[in-house]
Amino acid sequence: MSMSVTIKLKKDVVELAEKMVKLGIAKSRSHAINMMIEQGIKEVRKEVEFWENVYTGVEELKRTGFVVSHGKLSELLYKERAER
């Protein structure tokens, strides 16, 4: 099912979509942008799943009364996210 949404894109993304159409990789700019999204969405899904698991784990720790004694949890999470 297709839906229509208006969005602003960076110039280089539009130019890439136009090149994809010109080279016959995509039928239209819309098709090209959908291809870019679909190829990138796998990585985004992994990132979202990771953070959902982190938040679920944190909530579970809160429910059990766990207290982070060293106070470095935010730093550890920040480093993990930066590495991804």
Protein backbone atom coordinates (compact mmCIF):
# COMPACT_ATOMS: atom_id res chain seq x y z
CA MET A 1 0.00 0.00 0.00
CA SER A 2 1.41 3.38 -0.99
CA MET A 3 0.93 6.57 0.98
CA SER A 4 1.79 10.08 0.00
CA VAL A 5 3.91 12.15 2.39
CA THR A 6 5.59 15.49 1.84
CA ILE A 7 9.12 15.72 3.20
CA LYS A 8 12.18 17.91 2.77
CA LEU A 9 15.30 16.11 1.58
CA LYS A 10 18.89 17.16 1.41
CA LYS A 11 19.98 18.25 -2.04
CA ASP A 12 22.48 15.39 -2.36
CA VAL A 13 19.74 12.81 -1.69
CA VAL A 14 17.57 14.24 -4.46
CA GLU A 15 20.55 14.37 -6.81
CA LEU A 16 21.36 10.74 -6.03
CA ALA A 17 17.73 9.78 -6.71
CA GLU A 18 17.87 11.59 -10.05
CA LYS A 19 21.07 9.73 -10.97
CA MET A 20 19.39 6.42 -10.07
CA VAL A 21 16.54 7.27 -12.45
CA LYS A 22 18.92 8.41 -15.20
CA LEU A 23 20.91 5.17 -14.92
CA GLY A 24 17.75 3.04 -14.94
CA ILE A 25 18.23 1.79 -11.38
CA ALA A 26 14.87 3.26 -10.36
CA LYS A 27 11.69 4.10 -12.28
CA SER A 28 11.22 7.47 -10.60
CA ARG A 29 12.69 9.68 -7.88
CA SER A 30 10.03 8.37 -5.53
CA HIS A 31 11.02 4.80 -6.36
CA ALA A 32 14.70 5.67 -5.85
CA ILE A 33 14.05 7.26 -2.46
CA ASN A 34 11.98 4.25 -1.40
CA MET A 35 14.90 2.01 -2.41
CA MET A 36 17.28 4.10 -0.28
CA ILE A 37 14.93 3.92 2.69
CA GLU A 38 14.36 0.18 2.35
CA GLN A 39 18.08 -0.53 2.14
CA GLY A 40 18.82 1.67 5.16
CA ILE A 41 15.82 0.64 7.25
CA LYS A 42 17.47 -2.66 8.23
CA GLU A 43 20.16 -0.75 10.10
CA VAL A 44 17.62 1.57 11.67
CA ARG A 45 15.57 -1.41 12.84
CA LYS A 46 18.68 -2.90 14.49
CA GLU A 47 19.36 0.42 16.25
CA VAL A 48 15.76 0.71 17.46
CA GLU A 49 15.75 -2.90 18.67
CA PHE A 50 19.00 -2.33 20.56
CA TRP A 51 17.63 0.76 22.36
CA GLU A 52 14.29 -0.92 23.08
CA ASN A 53 16.22 -3.71 24.79
CA VAL A 54 18.30 -1.19 26.73
CA TYR A 55 15.22 0.67 27.96
CA THR A 56 13.46 -2.59 28.81
CA GLY A 57 16.50 -3.66 30.80
CA VAL A 58 16.68 -0.34 32.61
CA GLU A 59 13.00 -0.52 33.51
CA GLU A 60 13.50 -4.03 34.84
CA LEU A 61 16.43 -2.82 36.96
CA LYS A 62 14.28 0.02 38.31
CA ARG A 63 11.49 -2.43 39.21
CA THR A 64 13.92 -4.61 41.13
CA GLY A 65 15.37 -1.62 42.99
CA PHE A 66 18.82 -1.91 41.42
CA VAL A 67 20.97 1.19 41.89
CA VAL A 68 23.98 1.93 39.71
CA SER A 69 26.63 2.71 42.28
CA HIS A 70 29.38 3.97 40.00
CA GLY A 71 27.15 6.33 38.03
CA LYS A 72 28.76 5.54 34.67
CA LEU A 73 25.76 3.89 32.97
CA SER A 74 25.00 6.94 30.82
CA GLU A 75 28.62 7.11 29.72
CA LEU A 76 28.65 3.40 28.81
CA LEU A 77 25.42 3.71 26.83
CA TYR A 78 26.70 6.82 25.05
CA LYS A 79 29.92 5.03 24.04
CA GLU A 80 27.97 2.00 22.81
CA ARG A 81 25.73 4.19 20.68
CA ALA A 82 28.70 6.14 19.28
CA GLU A 83 30.32 2.88 18.19
CA ARG A 84 27.25 1.82 16.21
